[in-house]
PDB file of N, CA and C in Angstrom:
ATOM      1  N   MET A   1      -9.516 -22.160   1.762  1.00  0.00           N
ATOM      2  CA  MET A   1      -9.492 -22.990   2.937  1.00  0.00           C
ATOM      3  C   MET A   1     -10.302 -24.258   2.692  1.00  0.00           C
ATOM      4  N   ALA A   2     -11.364 -24.138   1.915  1.00  0.00           N
ATOM      5  CA  ALA A   2     -12.157 -25.320   1.592  1.00  0.00           C
ATOM      6  C   ALA A   2     -11.305 -26.342   0.835  1.00  0.00           C
ATOM      7  N   ALA A   3     -10.438 -25.856  -0.056  1.00  0.00           N
ATOM      8  CA  ALA A   3      -9.571 -26.761  -0.821  1.00  0.00           C
ATOM      9  C   ALA A   3      -8.579 -27.467   0.099  1.00  0.00           C
ATOM     10  N   VAL A   4      -8.037 -26.754   1.063  1.00  0.00           N
ATOM     11  CA  VAL A   4      -7.104 -27.357   2.026  1.00  0.00           C
ATOM     12  C   VAL A   4      -7.846 -28.426   2.824  1.00  0.00           C
ATOM     13  N   ARG A   5      -9.038 -28.104   3.290  1.00  0.00           N
ATOM     14  CA  ARG A   5      -9.830 -29.073   4.060  1.00  0.00           C
ATOM     15  C   ARG A   5     -10.105 -30.320   3.215  1.00  0.00           C
ATOM     16  N   ALA A   6     -10.445 -30.119   1.947  1.00  0.00           N
ATOM     17  CA  ALA A   6     -10.755 -31.251   1.061  1.00  0.00           C
ATOM     18  C   ALA A   6      -9.532 -32.148   0.868  1.00  0.00           C
ATOM     19  N   ARG A   7      -8.339 -31.551   0.727  1.00  0.00           N
ATOM     20  CA  ARG A   7      -7.116 -32.346   0.555  1.00  0.00           C
ATOM     21  C   ARG A   7      -6.864 -33.270   1.741  1.00  0.00           C
ATOM     22  N   TYR A   8      -7.367 -32.896   2.907  1.00  0.00           N
ATOM     23  CA  TYR A   8      -7.163 -33.704   4.109  1.00  0.00           C
ATOM     24  C   TYR A   8      -8.397 -34.537   4.460  1.00  0.00           C
ATOM     25  N   GLY A   9      -9.360 -34.585   3.528  1.00  0.00           N
ATOM     26  CA  GLY A   9     -10.541 -35.414   3.726  1.00  0.00           C
ATOM     27  C   GLY A   9     -11.540 -34.855   4.723  1.00  0.00           C
ATOM     28  N   LEU A  10     -11.485 -33.547   4.969  1.00  0.00           N
ATOM     29  CA  LEU A  10     -12.424 -32.914   5.895  1.00  0.00           C
ATOM     30  C   LEU A  10     -13.501 -32.192   5.093  1.00  0.00           C
ATOM     31  N   ALA A  11     -14.710 -32.123   5.645  1.00  0.00           N
ATOM     32  CA  ALA A  11     -15.814 -31.432   4.972  1.00  0.00           C
ATOM     33  C   ALA A  11     -15.430 -29.978   4.709  1.00  0.00           C
ATOM     34  N   ALA A  12     -15.804 -29.483   3.547  1.00  0.00           N
ATOM     35  CA  ALA A  12     -15.463 -28.107   3.178  1.00  0.00           C
ATOM     36  C   ALA A  12     -16.116 -27.095   4.108  1.00  0.00           C
ATOM     37  N   ALA A  13     -17.355 -27.354   4.507  1.00  0.00           N
ATOM     38  CA  ALA A  13     -18.074 -26.427   5.388  1.00  0.00           C
ATOM     39  C   ALA A  13     -17.853 -26.832   6.843  1.00  0.00           C
ATOM     40  N   SER A  14     -17.571 -25.831   7.674  1.00  0.00           N
ATOM     41  CA  SER A  14     -17.400 -26.065   9.103  1.00  0.00           C
ATOM     42  C   SER A  14     -17.578 -24.741   9.830  1.00  0.00           C
ATOM     43  N   LYS A  15     -17.792 -24.817  11.151  1.00  0.00           N
ATOM     44  CA  LYS A  15     -17.921 -23.581  11.945  1.00  0.00           C
ATOM     45  C   LYS A  15     -16.600 -22.828  11.976  1.00  0.00           C
ATOM     46  N   ALA A  16     -15.528 -23.558  12.146  1.00  0.00           N
ATOM     47  CA  ALA A  16     -14.197 -22.960  12.164  1.00  0.00           C
ATOM     48  C   ALA A  16     -13.320 -23.737  11.189  1.00  0.00           C
ATOM     49  N   PRO A  17     -12.375 -23.071  10.538  1.00  0.00           N
ATOM     50  CA  PRO A  17     -11.559 -23.744   9.521  1.00  0.00           C
ATOM     51  C   PRO A  17     -10.834 -24.985  10.017  1.00  0.00           C
ATOM     52  N   TYR A  18     -10.459 -25.016  11.288  1.00  0.00           N
ATOM     53  CA  TYR A  18      -9.684 -26.142  11.812  1.00  0.00           C
ATOM     54  C   TYR A  18     -10.561 -27.241  12.418  1.00  0.00           C
ATOM     55  N   ASP A  19     -11.883 -27.070  12.412  1.00  0.00           N
ATOM     56  CA  ASP A  19     -12.773 -28.104  12.957  1.00  0.00           C
ATOM     57  C   ASP A  19     -12.499 -29.454  12.303  1.00  0.00           C
ATOM     58  N   GLY A  20     -12.422 -30.484  13.107  1.00  0.00           N
ATOM     59  CA  GLY A  20     -12.203 -31.839  12.621  1.00  0.00           C
ATOM     60  C   GLY A  20     -10.747 -32.215  12.505  1.00  0.00           C
ATOM     61  N   SER A  21      -9.855 -31.236  12.631  1.00  0.00           N
ATOM     62  CA  SER A  21      -8.431 -31.541  12.466  1.00  0.00           C
ATOM     63  C   SER A  21      -7.937 -32.515  13.531  1.00  0.00           C
ATOM     64  N   GLU A  22      -8.594 -32.537  14.690  1.00  0.00           N
ATOM     65  CA  GLU A  22      -8.179 -33.434  15.769  1.00  0.00           C
ATOM     66  C   GLU A  22      -8.394 -34.906  15.420  1.00  0.00           C
ATOM     67  N   THR A  23      -9.161 -35.173  14.365  1.00  0.00           N
ATOM     68  CA  THR A  23      -9.393 -36.561  13.942  1.00  0.00           C
ATOM     69  C   THR A  23      -8.280 -37.080  13.038  1.00  0.00           C
ATOM     70  N   LEU A  24      -7.419 -36.187  12.575  1.00  0.00           N
ATOM     71  CA  LEU A  24      -6.321 -36.583  11.689  1.00  0.00           C
ATOM     72  C   LEU A  24      -5.171 -37.157  12.514  1.00  0.00           C
ATOM     73  N   PRO A  25      -4.377 -38.065  11.925  1.00  0.00           N
ATOM     74  CA  PRO A  25      -3.157 -38.498  12.618  1.00  0.00           C
ATOM     75  C   PRO A  25      -2.299 -37.264  12.918  1.00  0.00           C
ATOM     76  N   LYS A  26      -1.567 -37.309  14.006  1.00  0.00           N
ATOM     77  CA  LYS A  26      -0.842 -36.128  14.511  1.00  0.00           C
ATOM     78  C   LYS A  26       0.013 -35.454  13.436  1.00  0.00           C
ATOM     79  N   ASP A  27       0.769 -36.211  12.656  1.00  0.00           N
ATOM     80  CA  ASP A  27       1.629 -35.592  11.650  1.00  0.00           C
ATOM     81  C   ASP A  27       0.805 -34.912  10.554  1.00  0.00           C
ATOM     82  N   ARG A  28      -0.311 -35.517  10.174  1.00  0.00           N
ATOM     83  CA  ARG A  28      -1.190 -34.898   9.167  1.00  0.00           C
ATOM     84  C   ARG A  28      -1.919 -33.688   9.751  1.00  0.00           C
ATOM     85  N   GLU A  29      -2.267 -33.755  11.034  1.00  0.00           N
ATOM     86  CA  GLU A  29      -2.927 -32.622  11.677  1.00  0.00           C
ATOM     87  C   GLU A  29      -2.005 -31.401  11.652  1.00  0.00           C
ATOM     88  N   GLU A  30      -0.741 -31.592  12.010  1.00  0.00           N
ATOM     89  CA  GLU A  30       0.210 -30.479  11.999  1.00  0.00           C
ATOM     90  C   GLU A  30       0.386 -29.918  10.592  1.00  0.00           C
ATOM     91  N   ALA A  31       0.500 -30.798   9.604  1.00  0.00           N
ATOM     92  CA  ALA A  31       0.656 -30.351   8.214  1.00  0.00           C
ATOM     93  C   ALA A  31      -0.597 -29.596   7.766  1.00  0.00           C
ATOM     94  N   PHE A  32      -1.773 -30.112   8.125  1.00  0.00           N
ATOM     95  CA  PHE A  32      -3.034 -29.448   7.786  1.00  0.00           C
ATOM     96  C   PHE A  32      -3.085 -28.046   8.390  1.00  0.00           C
ATOM     97  N   LEU A  33      -2.766 -27.932   9.683  1.00  0.00           N
ATOM     98  CA  LEU A  33      -2.831 -26.635  10.354  1.00  0.00           C
ATOM     99  C   LEU A  33      -1.827 -25.653   9.759  1.00  0.00           C
ATOM    100  N   ASP A  34      -0.647 -26.148   9.380  1.00  0.00           N
ATOM    101  CA  ASP A  34       0.346 -25.280   8.734  1.00  0.00           C
ATOM    102  C   ASP A  34      -0.183 -24.762   7.397  1.00  0.00           C
ATOM    103  N   GLU A  35      -0.770 -25.663   6.593  1.00  0.00           N
ATOM    104  CA  GLU A  35      -1.326 -25.264   5.298  1.00  0.00           C
ATOM    105  C   GLU A  35      -2.479 -24.284   5.481  1.00  0.00           C
ATOM    106  N   LEU A  36      -3.305 -24.556   6.459  1.00  0.00           N
ATOM    107  CA  LEU A  36      -4.460 -23.707   6.723  1.00  0.00           C
ATOM    108  C   LEU A  36      -4.016 -22.296   7.111  1.00  0.00           C
ATOM    109  N   ARG A  37      -2.985 -22.203   7.956  1.00  0.00           N
ATOM    110  CA  ARG A  37      -2.458 -20.896   8.360  1.00  0.00           C
ATOM    111  C   ARG A  37      -1.987 -20.096   7.142  1.00  0.00           C
ATOM    112  N   LYS A  38      -1.345 -20.772   6.221  1.00  0.00           N
ATOM    113  CA  LYS A  38      -0.833 -20.093   5.028  1.00  0.00           C
ATOM    114  C   LYS A  38      -1.971 -19.633   4.119  1.00  0.00           C
ATOM    115  N   ALA A  39      -3.093 -20.369   4.129  1.00  0.00           N
ATOM    116  CA  ALA A  39      -4.218 -20.044   3.257  1.00  0.00           C
ATOM    117  C   ALA A  39      -5.095 -18.920   3.810  1.00  0.00           C
ATOM    118  N   GLN A  40      -5.045 -18.701   5.108  1.00  0.00           N
ATOM    119  CA  GLN A  40      -5.895 -17.688   5.728  1.00  0.00           C
ATOM    120  C   GLN A  40      -5.336 -16.288   5.504  1.00  0.00           C
ATOM    121  N   SER A  41      -6.231 -15.363   5.200  1.00  0.00           N
ATOM    122  CA  SER A  41      -5.799 -13.970   5.142  1.00  0.00           C
ATOM    123  C   SER A  41      -5.711 -13.457   6.575  1.00  0.00           C
ATOM    124  N   LYS A  42      -4.861 -12.503   6.785  1.00  0.00           N
ATOM    125  CA  LYS A  42      -4.661 -11.966   8.134  1.00  0.00           C
ATOM    126  C   LYS A  42      -5.076 -10.511   8.179  1.00  0.00           C
ATOM    127  N   GLY A  43      -5.663 -10.160   9.311  1.00  0.00           N
ATOM    128  CA  GLY A  43      -5.922  -8.763   9.583  1.00  0.00           C
ATOM    129  C   GLY A  43      -4.645  -8.122  10.074  1.00  0.00           C
ATOM    130  N   THR A  44      -4.639  -6.807  10.124  1.00  0.00           N
ATOM    131  CA  THR A  44      -3.468  -6.101  10.615  1.00  0.00           C
ATOM    132  C   THR A  44      -3.677  -5.736  12.086  1.00  0.00           C
ATOM    133  N   LEU A  45      -2.595  -5.429  12.738  1.00  0.00           N
ATOM    134  CA  LEU A  45      -2.663  -4.973  14.122  1.00  0.00           C
ATOM    135  C   LEU A  45      -3.524  -3.713  14.213  1.00  0.00           C
ATOM    136  N   SER A  46      -3.379  -2.830  13.264  1.00  0.00           N
ATOM    137  CA  SER A  46      -4.173  -1.608  13.242  1.00  0.00           C
ATOM    138  C   SER A  46      -5.664  -1.926  13.139  1.00  0.00           C
ATOM    139  N   GLU A  47      -6.026  -2.875  12.296  1.00  0.00           N
ATOM    140  CA  GLU A  47      -7.438  -3.277  12.164  1.00  0.00           C
ATOM    141  C   GLU A  47      -7.952  -3.892  13.461  1.00  0.00           C
ATOM    142  N   PHE A  48      -7.114  -4.669  14.117  1.00  0.00           N
ATOM    143  CA  PHE A  48      -7.482  -5.281  15.395  1.00  0.00           C
ATOM    144  C   PHE A  48      -7.802  -4.188  16.416  1.00  0.00           C
ATOM    145  N   VAL A  49      -6.932  -3.191  16.523  1.00  0.00           N
ATOM    146  CA  VAL A  49      -7.151  -2.119  17.488  1.00  0.00           C
ATOM    147  C   VAL A  49      -8.285  -1.197  17.027  1.00  0.00           C
ATOM    148  N   ASP A  50      -8.517  -1.095  15.713  1.00  0.00           N
ATOM    149  CA  ASP A  50      -9.702  -0.370  15.228  1.00  0.00           C
ATOM    150  C   ASP A  50     -10.970  -0.986  15.827  1.00  0.00           C
ATOM    151  N   HIS A  51     -10.996  -2.295  15.909  1.00  0.00           N
ATOM    152  CA  HIS A  51     -12.155  -3.000  16.472  1.00  0.00           C
ATOM    153  C   HIS A  51     -12.310  -2.663  17.959  1.00  0.00           C
ATOM    154  N   ILE A  52     -11.199  -2.650  18.686  1.00  0.00           N
ATOM    155  CA  ILE A  52     -11.238  -2.259  20.099  1.00  0.00           C
ATOM    156  C   ILE A  52     -11.756  -0.829  20.219  1.00  0.00           C
ATOM    157  N   ASP A  53     -11.248   0.075  19.380  1.00  0.00           N
ATOM    158  CA  ASP A  53     -11.705   1.469  19.381  1.00  0.00           C
ATOM    159  C   ASP A  53     -13.211   1.559  19.150  1.00  0.00           C
ATOM    160  N   TYR A  54     -13.688   0.824  18.188  1.00  0.00           N
ATOM    161  CA  TYR A  54     -15.114   0.862  17.846  1.00  0.00           C
ATOM    162  C   TYR A  54     -15.964   0.485  19.062  1.00  0.00           C
ATOM    163  N   ILE A  55     -15.601  -0.616  19.713  1.00  0.00           N
ATOM    164  CA  ILE A  55     -16.377  -1.075  20.869  1.00  0.00           C
ATOM    165  C   ILE A  55     -16.240  -0.083  22.026  1.00  0.00           C
ATOM    166  N   ALA A  56     -15.029   0.387  22.266  1.00  0.00           N
ATOM    167  CA  ALA A  56     -14.801   1.326  23.367  1.00  0.00           C
ATOM    168  C   ALA A  56     -15.606   2.610  23.168  1.00  0.00           C
ATOM    169  N   LYS A  57     -15.681   3.090  21.946  1.00  0.00           N
ATOM    170  CA  LYS A  57     -16.451   4.304  21.666  1.00  0.00           C
ATOM    171  C   LYS A  57     -17.953   4.036  21.716  1.00  0.00           C
ATOM    172  N   ARG A  58     -18.331   2.846  21.364  1.00  0.00           N
ATOM    173  CA  ARG A  58     -19.758   2.494  21.306  1.00  0.00           C
ATOM    174  C   ARG A  58     -20.347   2.234  22.692  1.00  0.00           C
ATOM    175  N   ILE A  59     -19.640   1.433  23.519  1.00  0.00           N
ATOM    176  CA  ILE A  59     -20.207   1.049  24.825  1.00  0.00           C
ATOM    177  C   ILE A  59     -19.302   1.352  26.002  1.00  0.00           C
ATOM    178  N   GLY A  60     -18.082   1.825  25.734  1.00  0.00           N
ATOM    179  CA  GLY A  60     -17.163   2.178  26.811  1.00  0.00           C
ATOM    180  C   GLY A  60     -16.054   1.159  26.988  1.00  0.00           C
ATOM    181  N   TRP A  61     -14.858   1.662  27.265  1.00  0.00           N
ATOM    182  CA  TRP A  61     -13.683   0.790  27.409  1.00  0.00           C
ATOM    183  C   TRP A  61     -13.848  -0.193  28.560  1.00  0.00           C
ATOM    184  N   GLN A  62     -14.720   0.128  29.541  1.00  0.00           N
ATOM    185  CA  GLN A  62     -14.927  -0.759  30.691  1.00  0.00           C
ATOM    186  C   GLN A  62     -15.597  -2.077  30.284  1.00  0.00           C
ATOM    187  N   HIS A  63     -16.052  -2.151  29.039  1.00  0.00           N
ATOM    188  CA  HIS A  63     -16.746  -3.345  28.547  1.00  0.00           C
ATOM    189  C   HIS A  63     -15.968  -4.046  27.439  1.00  0.00           C
ATOM    190  N   VAL A  64     -14.688  -3.725  27.322  1.00  0.00           N
ATOM    191  CA  VAL A  64     -13.836  -4.305  26.287  1.00  0.00           C
ATOM    192  C   VAL A  64     -12.811  -5.216  26.936  1.00  0.00           C
ATOM    193  N   GLY A  65     -12.573  -6.354  26.312  1.00  0.00           N
ATOM    194  CA  GLY A  65     -11.529  -7.263  26.768  1.00  0.00           C
ATOM    195  C   GLY A  65     -10.896  -7.954  25.586  1.00  0.00           C
ATOM    196  N   ILE A  66      -9.647  -8.297  25.735  1.00  0.00           N
ATOM    197  CA  ILE A  66      -8.932  -9.031  24.691  1.00  0.00           C
ATOM    198  C   ILE A  66      -8.855 -10.488  25.112  1.00  0.00           C
ATOM    199  N   GLY A  67      -9.348 -11.351  24.263  1.00  0.00           N
ATOM    200  CA  GLY A  67      -9.203 -12.785  24.450  1.00  0.00           C
ATOM    201  C   GLY A  67      -8.339 -13.319  23.324  1.00  0.00           C
ATOM    202  N   SER A  68      -7.664 -14.400  23.565  1.00  0.00           N
ATOM    203  CA  SER A  68      -6.792 -14.931  22.520  1.00  0.00           C
ATOM    204  C   SER A  68      -6.755 -16.450  22.579  1.00  0.00           C
ATOM    205  N   ASP A  69      -6.517 -17.026  21.413  1.00  0.00           N
ATOM    206  CA  ASP A  69      -6.335 -18.468  21.268  1.00  0.00           C
ATOM    207  C   ASP A  69      -5.268 -18.646  20.207  1.00  0.00           C
ATOM    208  N   PHE A  70      -4.062 -18.927  20.632  1.00  0.00           N
ATOM    209  CA  PHE A  70      -2.962 -19.013  19.688  1.00  0.00           C
ATOM    210  C   PHE A  70      -2.675 -20.438  19.228  1.00  0.00           C
ATOM    211  N   ASN A  71      -3.574 -21.387  19.534  1.00  0.00           N
ATOM    212  CA  ASN A  71      -3.354 -22.769  19.087  1.00  0.00           C
ATOM    213  C   ASN A  71      -3.208 -22.852  17.583  1.00  0.00           C
ATOM    214  N   HIS A  72      -3.906 -22.005  16.874  1.00  0.00           N
ATOM    215  CA  HIS A  72      -3.895 -22.059  15.418  1.00  0.00           C
ATOM    216  C   HIS A  72      -3.522 -20.718  14.811  1.00  0.00           C
ATOM    217  N   GLY A  73      -2.828 -19.889  15.550  1.00  0.00           N
ATOM    218  CA  GLY A  73      -2.484 -18.555  15.083  1.00  0.00           C
ATOM    219  C   GLY A  73      -3.643 -17.612  15.336  1.00  0.00           C
ATOM    220  N   SER A  74      -3.351 -16.352  15.408  1.00  0.00           N
ATOM    221  CA  SER A  74      -4.398 -15.397  15.762  1.00  0.00           C
ATOM    222  C   SER A  74      -5.129 -14.843  14.557  1.00  0.00           C
ATOM    223  N   GLY A  75      -4.531 -14.886  13.397  1.00  0.00           N
ATOM    224  CA  GLY A  75      -5.135 -14.254  12.234  1.00  0.00           C
ATOM    225  C   GLY A  75      -4.858 -12.763  12.177  1.00  0.00           C
ATOM    226  N   VAL A  76      -3.984 -12.279  13.067  1.00  0.00           N
ATOM    227  CA  VAL A  76      -3.639 -10.858  13.098  1.00  0.00           C
ATOM    228  C   VAL A  76      -2.127 -10.726  12.927  1.00  0.00           C
ATOM    229  N   ALA A  77      -1.723 -10.131  11.825  1.00  0.00           N
ATOM    230  CA  ALA A  77      -0.292  -9.880  11.610  1.00  0.00           C
ATOM    231  C   ALA A  77       0.185  -8.897  12.670  1.00  0.00           C
ATOM    232  N   GLY A  78       1.191  -9.293  13.420  1.00  0.00           N
ATOM    233  CA  GLY A  78       1.699  -8.459  14.496  1.00  0.00           C
ATOM    234  C   GLY A  78       1.186  -8.855  15.869  1.00  0.00           C
ATOM    235  N   PHE A  79       0.269  -9.823  15.898  1.00  0.00           N
ATOM    236  CA  PHE A  79      -0.250 -10.359  17.169  1.00  0.00           C
ATOM    237  C   PHE A  79      -0.495 -11.857  16.981  1.00  0.00           C
ATOM    238  N   ASP A  80       0.567 -12.549  16.560  1.00  0.00           N
ATOM    239  CA  ASP A  80       0.476 -13.977  16.265  1.00  0.00           C
ATOM    240  C   ASP A  80       0.700 -14.870  17.477  1.00  0.00           C
ATOM    241  N   SER A  81       1.248 -14.314  18.540  1.00  0.00           N
ATOM    242  CA  SER A  81       1.483 -15.113  19.742  1.00  0.00           C
ATOM    243  C   SER A  81       1.485 -14.179  20.944  1.00  0.00           C
ATOM    244  N   GLU A  82       1.545 -14.786  22.114  1.00  0.00           N
ATOM    245  CA  GLU A  82       1.580 -13.982  23.336  1.00  0.00           C
ATOM    246  C   GLU A  82       2.806 -13.064  23.367  1.00  0.00           C
ATOM    247  N   ALA A  83       3.866 -13.450  22.674  1.00  0.00           N
ATOM    248  CA  ALA A  83       5.075 -12.617  22.621  1.00  0.00           C
ATOM    249  C   ALA A  83       4.815 -11.285  21.907  1.00  0.00           C
ATOM    250  N   ASP A  84       3.752 -11.229  21.091  1.00  0.00           N
ATOM    251  CA  ASP A  84       3.421 -10.013  20.357  1.00  0.00           C
ATOM    252  C   ASP A  84       2.458  -9.098  21.104  1.00  0.00           C
ATOM    253  N   ALA A  85       2.034  -9.486  22.311  1.00  0.00           N
ATOM    254  CA  ALA A  85       1.088  -8.668  23.080  1.00  0.00           C
ATOM    255  C   ALA A  85       1.579  -7.225  23.276  1.00  0.00           C
ATOM    256  N   PRO A  86       2.871  -7.007  23.488  1.00  0.00           N
ATOM    257  CA  PRO A  86       3.315  -5.607  23.622  1.00  0.00           C
ATOM    258  C   PRO A  86       3.003  -4.745  22.393  1.00  0.00           C
ATOM    259  N   ASN A  87       2.892  -5.370  21.219  1.00  0.00           N
ATOM    260  CA  ASN A  87       2.526  -4.606  20.020  1.00  0.00           C
ATOM    261  C   ASN A  87       1.130  -4.002  20.174  1.00  0.00           C
ATOM    262  N   VAL A  88       0.217  -4.766  20.760  1.00  0.00           N
ATOM    263  CA  VAL A  88      -1.144  -4.275  20.981  1.00  0.00           C
ATOM    264  C   VAL A  88      -1.111  -3.134  21.992  1.00  0.00           C
ATOM    265  N   THR A  89      -0.367  -3.328  23.066  1.00  0.00           N
ATOM    266  CA  THR A  89      -0.268  -2.283  24.094  1.00  0.00           C
ATOM    267  C   THR A  89       0.317  -1.005  23.505  1.00  0.00           C
ATOM    268  N   ARG A  90       1.376  -1.132  22.713  1.00  0.00           N
ATOM    269  CA  ARG A  90       1.982   0.050  22.088  1.00  0.00           C
ATOM    270  C   ARG A  90       0.972   0.792  21.208  1.00  0.00           C
ATOM    271  N   GLU A  91       0.170   0.035  20.464  1.00  0.00           N
ATOM    272  CA  GLU A  91      -0.827   0.663  19.586  1.00  0.00           C
ATOM    273  C   GLU A  91      -1.917   1.351  20.407  1.00  0.00           C
ATOM    274  N   LEU A  92      -2.314   0.743  21.515  1.00  0.00           N
ATOM    275  CA  LEU A  92      -3.301   1.385  22.389  1.00  0.00           C
ATOM    276  C   LEU A  92      -2.738   2.687  22.978  1.00  0.00           C
ATOM    277  N   VAL A  93      -1.479   2.659  23.396  1.00  0.00           N
ATOM    278  CA  VAL A  93      -0.824   3.869  23.923  1.00  0.00           C
ATOM    279  C   VAL A  93      -0.761   4.931  22.825  1.00  0.00           C
ATOM    280  N   ARG A  94      -0.359   4.517  21.630  1.00  0.00           N
ATOM    281  CA  ARG A  94      -0.252   5.454  20.506  1.00  0.00           C
ATOM    282  C   ARG A  94      -1.590   6.135  20.232  1.00  0.00           C
ATOM    283  N   ARG A  95      -2.677   5.416  20.458  1.00  0.00           N
ATOM    284  CA  ARG A  95      -4.016   5.968  20.203  1.00  0.00           C
ATOM    285  C   ARG A  95      -4.582   6.742  21.390  1.00  0.00           C
ATOM    286  N   GLY A  96      -3.808   6.848  22.447  1.00  0.00           N
ATOM    287  CA  GLY A  96      -4.220   7.701  23.546  1.00  0.00           C
ATOM    288  C   GLY A  96      -4.913   7.022  24.712  1.00  0.00           C
ATOM    289  N   TYR A  97      -4.922   5.697  24.732  1.00  0.00           N
ATOM    290  CA  TYR A  97      -5.517   5.001  25.872  1.00  0.00           C
ATOM    291  C   TYR A  97      -4.638   5.206  27.104  1.00  0.00           C
ATOM    292  N   THR A  98      -5.274   5.339  28.260  1.00  0.00           N
ATOM    293  CA  THR A  98      -4.538   5.534  29.510  1.00  0.00           C
ATOM    294  C   THR A  98      -4.091   4.183  30.065  1.00  0.00           C
ATOM    295  N   GLU A  99      -3.211   4.258  31.045  1.00  0.00           N
ATOM    296  CA  GLU A  99      -2.746   3.030  31.703  1.00  0.00           C
ATOM    297  C   GLU A  99      -3.918   2.278  32.333  1.00  0.00           C
ATOM    298  N   GLU A 100      -4.849   3.004  32.954  1.00  0.00           N
ATOM    299  CA  GLU A 100      -6.026   2.371  33.560  1.00  0.00           C
ATOM    300  C   GLU A 100      -6.877   1.680  32.507  1.00  0.00           C
ATOM    301  N   GLN A 101      -7.095   2.328  31.384  1.00  0.00           N
ATOM    302  CA  GLN A 101      -7.903   1.735  30.318  1.00  0.00           C
ATOM    303  C   GLN A 101      -7.238   0.481  29.752  1.00  0.00           C
ATOM    304  N   ILE A 102      -5.946   0.567  29.528  1.00  0.00           N
ATOM    305  CA  ILE A 102      -5.216  -0.580  28.971  1.00  0.00           C
ATOM    306  C   ILE A 102      -5.239  -1.753  29.943  1.00  0.00           C
ATOM    307  N   ALA A 103      -5.045  -1.480  31.231  1.00  0.00           N
ATOM    308  CA  ALA A 103      -5.106  -2.558  32.227  1.00  0.00           C
ATOM    309  C   ALA A 103      -6.491  -3.200  32.250  1.00  0.00           C
ATOM    310  N   GLY A 104      -7.524  -2.382  32.095  1.00  0.00           N
ATOM    311  CA  GLY A 104      -8.878  -2.926  32.043  1.00  0.00           C
ATOM    312  C   GLY A 104      -9.087  -3.806  30.820  1.00  0.00           C
ATOM    313  N   ILE A 105      -8.648  -3.331  29.672  1.00  0.00           N
ATOM    314  CA  ILE A 105      -8.816  -4.064  28.419  1.00  0.00           C
ATOM    315  C   ILE A 105      -8.036  -5.377  28.446  1.00  0.00           C
ATOM    316  N   TRP A 106      -6.854  -5.379  29.046  1.00  0.00           N
ATOM    317  CA  TRP A 106      -6.016  -6.580  29.087  1.00  0.00           C
ATOM    318  C   TRP A 106      -6.461  -7.594  30.138  1.00  0.00           C
ATOM    319  N   GLY A 107      -7.456  -7.322  30.916  1.00  0.00           N
ATOM    320  CA  GLY A 107      -7.902  -8.341  31.865  1.00  0.00           C
ATOM    321  C   GLY A 107      -8.649  -7.804  33.058  1.00  0.00           C
ATOM    322  N   GLY A 108      -8.406  -6.547  33.396  1.00  0.00           N
ATOM    323  CA  GLY A 108      -9.066  -5.970  34.551  1.00  0.00           C
ATOM    324  C   GLY A 108     -10.579  -5.944  34.428  1.00  0.00           C
ATOM    325  N   ASN A 109     -11.087  -5.659  33.224  1.00  0.00           N
ATOM    326  CA  ASN A 109     -12.543  -5.648  33.030  1.00  0.00           C
ATOM    327  C   ASN A 109     -13.127  -7.038  33.252  1.00  0.00           C
ATOM    328  N   PHE A 110     -12.463  -8.049  32.726  1.00  0.00           N
ATOM    329  CA  PHE A 110     -12.914  -9.425  32.914  1.00  0.00           C
ATOM    330  C   PHE A 110     -12.919  -9.794  34.400  1.00  0.00           C
ATOM    331  N   LEU A 111     -11.833  -9.470  35.091  1.00  0.00           N
ATOM    332  CA  LEU A 111     -11.739  -9.809  36.515  1.00  0.00           C
ATOM    333  C   LEU A 111     -12.807  -9.086  37.335  1.00  0.00           C
ATOM    334  N   ARG A 112     -13.110  -7.839  36.975  1.00  0.00           N
ATOM    335  CA  ARG A 112     -14.159  -7.094  37.660  1.00  0.00           C
ATOM    336  C   ARG A 112     -15.522  -7.778  37.494  1.00  0.00           C
ATOM    337  N   VAL A 113     -15.849  -8.175  36.279  1.00  0.00           N
ATOM    338  CA  VAL A 113     -17.125  -8.826  36.009  1.00  0.00           C
ATOM    339  C   VAL A 113     -17.176 -10.201  36.675  1.00  0.00           C
ATOM    340  N   LEU A 114     -16.086 -10.946  36.608  1.00  0.00           N
ATOM    341  CA  LEU A 114     -16.032 -12.247  37.246  1.00  0.00           C
ATOM    342  C   LEU A 114     -16.235 -12.102  38.754  1.00  0.00           C
ATOM    343  N   GLY A 115     -15.586 -11.118  39.359  1.00  0.00           N
ATOM    344  CA  GLY A 115     -15.741 -10.884  40.804  1.00  0.00           C
ATOM    345  C   GLY A 115     -17.175 -10.555  41.158  1.00  0.00           C
ATOM    346  N   ALA A 116     -17.828  -9.737  40.325  1.00  0.00           N
ATOM    347  CA  ALA A 116     -19.234  -9.385  40.568  1.00  0.00           C
ATOM    348  C   ALA A 116     -20.117 -10.616  40.464  1.00  0.00           C
ATOM    349  N   ALA A 117     -19.856 -11.462  39.488  1.00  0.00           N
ATOM    350  CA  ALA A 117     -20.648 -12.692  39.324  1.00  0.00           C
ATOM    351  C   ALA A 117     -20.430 -13.640  40.505  1.00  0.00           C
ATOM    352  N   GLU A 118     -19.200 -13.764  40.953  1.00  0.00           N
ATOM    353  CA  GLU A 118     -18.914 -14.624  42.111  1.00  0.00           C
ATOM    354  C   GLU A 118     -19.593 -14.086  43.368  1.00  0.00           C
ATOM    355  N   ALA A 119     -19.565 -12.765  43.552  1.00  0.00           N
ATOM    356  CA  ALA A 119     -20.209 -12.161  44.726  1.00  0.00           C
ATOM    357  C   ALA A 119     -21.713 -12.394  44.684  1.00  0.00           C
ATOM    358  N   LYS A 120     -22.303 -12.270  43.518  1.00  0.00           N
ATOM    359  CA  LYS A 120     -23.740 -12.495  43.362  1.00  0.00           C
ATOM    360  C   LYS A 120     -24.077 -13.965  43.624  1.00  0.00           C
ATOM    361  N   ALA A 121     -23.239 -14.869  43.149  1.00  0.00           N
ATOM    362  CA  ALA A 121     -23.471 -16.303  43.351  1.00  0.00           C
ATOM    363  C   ALA A 121     -23.333 -16.692  44.815  1.00  0.00           C
ATOM    364  N   ALA A 122     -22.530 -15.952  45.557  1.00  0.00           N
ATOM    365  CA  ALA A 122     -22.300 -16.272  46.979  1.00  0.00           C
ATOM    366  C   ALA A 122     -23.501 -15.885  47.841  1.00  0.00           C
ATOM    367  N   HIS A 123     -24.387 -15.047  47.323  1.00  0.00           N
ATOM    368  CA  HIS A 123     -25.550 -14.608  48.113  1.00  0.00           C
ATOM    369  C   HIS A 123     -26.700 -15.503  47.910  1.00  0.00           C
TER     370      HIS A 123
END
């Protein structure tokens, strides 16, 4: 990835591989992001859900949430866009998660915490 960044005149070191890409002309930015995607290794869907399992077992499924940013690809083979979200749900079902747990992980936990924060702020 450092070599790709160097070819586009961006510093090799950055917080995120795509940092600074917004300074490139639009056509070069798109080409850079395409090259960067090809250079990145991807995790598997199973590894992604392994991470969810780890957190759920460690602190409880009520504290797990899935966030995503598909502007530059997800880095997870099988969950590259919002269209692939059912793949994650299928894997959670396969591993024995209940409908309530899956709903919490997909957003219910976040909404619960946000509601609690809003209620606290209102007092």
